[in-house]
Amino acid sequence: MEKDIINELEEMKTNLLSSVNKEGEHVTQIIHFKDGQRKTIHGIISHSIETGKFTKFNCKDGRMIMVNDENVNMIETFGEEK
C-alpha cells in the first residue's frame, strides 16, 4: 500500500513537470507577479522544479529559488539552447 502511494506521488510530480521538461534540460522563465512586476530567471534546471505553496527550483549557477504561488499570475517558459 505504501509503495502504491509513493508511486502515485511520483507520477503526479512527473505529470506536473512534463510540460516544462518538454522545453529542454535548462529553461528561462519570466514570472509575472500580481503587482505587475516581472522577473526573468535564466538557467533553471527543468527536472528540479517542485510545486506546492511555493514553487522551488535550482539553477545552473547553484541558486535555489522559491516563489510564493499566491503572488503569481503567469509564468512564461522558454527552452535554452545548448
C-alpha atoms as a PDB file:
ATOM      1  CA  MET A   1       0.000   0.000   0.000  1.00  0.00           C
ATOM      2  CA  GLU A   2       2.749   2.478   0.969  1.00  0.00           C
ATOM      3  CA  LYS A   3       4.607   1.681  -2.251  1.00  0.00           C
ATOM      4  CA  ASP A   4       1.450   2.457  -4.273  1.00  0.00           C
ATOM      5  CA  ILE A   5       1.171   5.890  -2.635  1.00  0.00           C
ATOM      6  CA  ILE A   6       4.828   6.655  -3.349  1.00  0.00           C
ATOM      7  CA  ASN A   7       4.423   5.609  -6.992  1.00  0.00           C
ATOM      8  CA  GLU A   8       1.271   7.728  -7.311  1.00  0.00           C
ATOM      9  CA  LEU A   9       3.039  10.792  -5.862  1.00  0.00           C
ATOM     10  CA  GLU A  10       5.989  10.328  -8.220  1.00  0.00           C
ATOM     11  CA  GLU A  11       3.596  10.045 -11.173  1.00  0.00           C
ATOM     12  CA  MET A  12       1.813  13.250 -10.108  1.00  0.00           C
ATOM     13  CA  LYS A  13       5.154  15.043  -9.845  1.00  0.00           C
ATOM     14  CA  THR A  14       6.125  13.797 -13.306  1.00  0.00           C
ATOM     15  CA  ASN A  15       2.816  14.953 -14.777  1.00  0.00           C
ATOM     16  CA  LEU A  16       3.205  18.441 -13.310  1.00  0.00           C
ATOM     17  CA  LEU A  17       6.696  18.800 -14.724  1.00  0.00           C
ATOM     18  CA  SER A  18       6.146  17.224 -18.126  1.00  0.00           C
ATOM     19  CA  SER A  19       5.246  20.447 -19.930  1.00  0.00           C
ATOM     20  CA  VAL A  20       8.371  22.243 -18.675  1.00  0.00           C
ATOM     21  CA  ASN A  21      10.620  19.236 -19.331  1.00  0.00           C
ATOM     22  CA  LYS A  22       9.494  19.268 -22.971  1.00  0.00           C
ATOM     23  CA  GLU A  23      11.218  22.656 -23.327  1.00  0.00           C
ATOM     24  CA  GLY A  24      14.605  21.125 -22.542  1.00  0.00           C
ATOM     25  CA  GLU A  25      17.030  20.375 -19.729  1.00  0.00           C
ATOM     26  CA  HIS A  26      17.505  24.075 -18.932  1.00  0.00           C
ATOM     27  CA  VAL A  27      14.893  26.819 -19.317  1.00  0.00           C
ATOM     28  CA  THR A  28      14.392  30.533 -18.819  1.00  0.00           C
ATOM     29  CA  GLN A  29      11.234  31.642 -17.052  1.00  0.00           C
ATOM     30  CA  ILE A  30       9.607  35.066 -16.896  1.00  0.00           C
ATOM     31  CA  ILE A  31       7.454  35.211 -13.769  1.00  0.00           C
ATOM     32  CA  HIS A  32       4.613  37.753 -13.868  1.00  0.00           C
ATOM     33  CA  PHE A  33       3.581  38.856 -10.373  1.00  0.00           C
ATOM     34  CA  LYS A  34       0.144  40.198  -9.394  1.00  0.00           C
ATOM     35  CA  ASP A  35       1.565  43.659  -8.637  1.00  0.00           C
ATOM     36  CA  GLY A  36       2.771  43.994 -12.250  1.00  0.00           C
ATOM     37  CA  GLN A  37       6.442  43.191 -11.685  1.00  0.00           C
ATOM     38  CA  ARG A  38       8.224  40.636 -13.852  1.00  0.00           C
ATOM     39  CA  LYS A  39      11.356  38.676 -13.028  1.00  0.00           C
ATOM     40  CA  THR A  40      13.387  36.801 -15.626  1.00  0.00           C
ATOM     41  CA  ILE A  41      15.358  33.810 -14.380  1.00  0.00           C
ATOM     42  CA  HIS A  42      17.853  32.058 -16.663  1.00  0.00           C
ATOM     43  CA  GLY A  43      19.424  28.619 -16.284  1.00  0.00           C
ATOM     44  CA  ILE A  44      16.614  26.815 -14.460  1.00  0.00           C
ATOM     45  CA  ILE A  45      17.178  23.051 -14.273  1.00  0.00           C
ATOM     46  CA  SER A  46      13.850  21.695 -15.547  1.00  0.00           C
ATOM     47  CA  HIS A  47      13.772  18.448 -13.559  1.00  0.00           C
ATOM     48  CA  SER A  48      14.408  20.328 -10.280  1.00  0.00           C
ATOM     49  CA  ILE A  49      11.063  22.179 -10.326  1.00  0.00           C
ATOM     50  CA  GLU A  50       8.803  21.249  -7.394  1.00  0.00           C
ATOM     51  CA  THR A  51       5.346  22.699  -6.875  1.00  0.00           C
ATOM     52  CA  GLY A  52       3.470  23.371  -3.653  1.00  0.00           C
ATOM     53  CA  LYS A  53       2.592  26.528  -1.724  1.00  0.00           C
ATOM     54  CA  PHE A  54       5.964  27.696  -3.012  1.00  0.00           C
ATOM     55  CA  THR A  55       7.388  26.638  -6.354  1.00  0.00           C
ATOM     56  CA  LYS A  56      11.038  25.670  -5.831  1.00  0.00           C
ATOM     57  CA  PHE A  57      13.749  25.131  -8.404  1.00  0.00           C
ATOM     58  CA  ASN A  58      17.513  25.074  -8.827  1.00  0.00           C
ATOM     59  CA  CYS A  59      19.597  27.000 -11.333  1.00  0.00           C
ATOM     60  CA  LYS A  60      22.806  26.085 -13.165  1.00  0.00           C
ATOM     61  CA  ASP A  61      24.718  28.664 -11.110  1.00  0.00           C
ATOM     62  CA  GLY A  62      23.841  26.892  -7.841  1.00  0.00           C
ATOM     63  CA  ARG A  63      20.960  29.102  -6.672  1.00  0.00           C
ATOM     64  CA  MET A  64      17.771  27.613  -5.265  1.00  0.00           C
ATOM     65  CA  ILE A  65      14.777  29.881  -5.830  1.00  0.00           C
ATOM     66  CA  MET A  66      11.400  29.714  -4.090  1.00  0.00           C
ATOM     67  CA  VAL A  67       8.380  31.621  -5.430  1.00  0.00           C
ATOM     68  CA  ASN A  68       5.134  32.121  -3.485  1.00  0.00           C
ATOM     69  CA  ASP A  69       2.483  30.890  -5.949  1.00  0.00           C
ATOM     70  CA  GLU A  70      -0.202  33.146  -4.436  1.00  0.00           C
ATOM     71  CA  ASN A  71       1.608  36.213  -5.818  1.00  0.00           C
ATOM     72  CA  VAL A  72       1.959  34.943  -9.405  1.00  0.00           C
ATOM     73  CA  ASN A  73      -0.397  35.478 -12.341  1.00  0.00           C
ATOM     74  CA  MET A  74       1.545  33.692 -15.058  1.00  0.00           C
ATOM     75  CA  ILE A  75       4.902  32.091 -15.915  1.00  0.00           C
ATOM     76  CA  GLU A  76       6.403  32.118 -19.407  1.00  0.00           C
ATOM     77  CA  THR A  77       8.890  29.328 -20.128  1.00  0.00           C
ATOM     78  CA  PHE A  78      11.466  29.158 -22.915  1.00  0.00           C
ATOM     79  CA  GLY A  79      13.929  26.392 -23.677  1.00  0.00           C
ATOM     80  CA  GLU A  80      17.603  27.389 -23.641  1.00  0.00           C
ATOM     81  CA  GLU A  81      19.893  26.425 -26.487  1.00  0.00           C
ATOM     82  CA  LYS A  82      22.938  24.334 -25.637  1.00  0.00           C
END
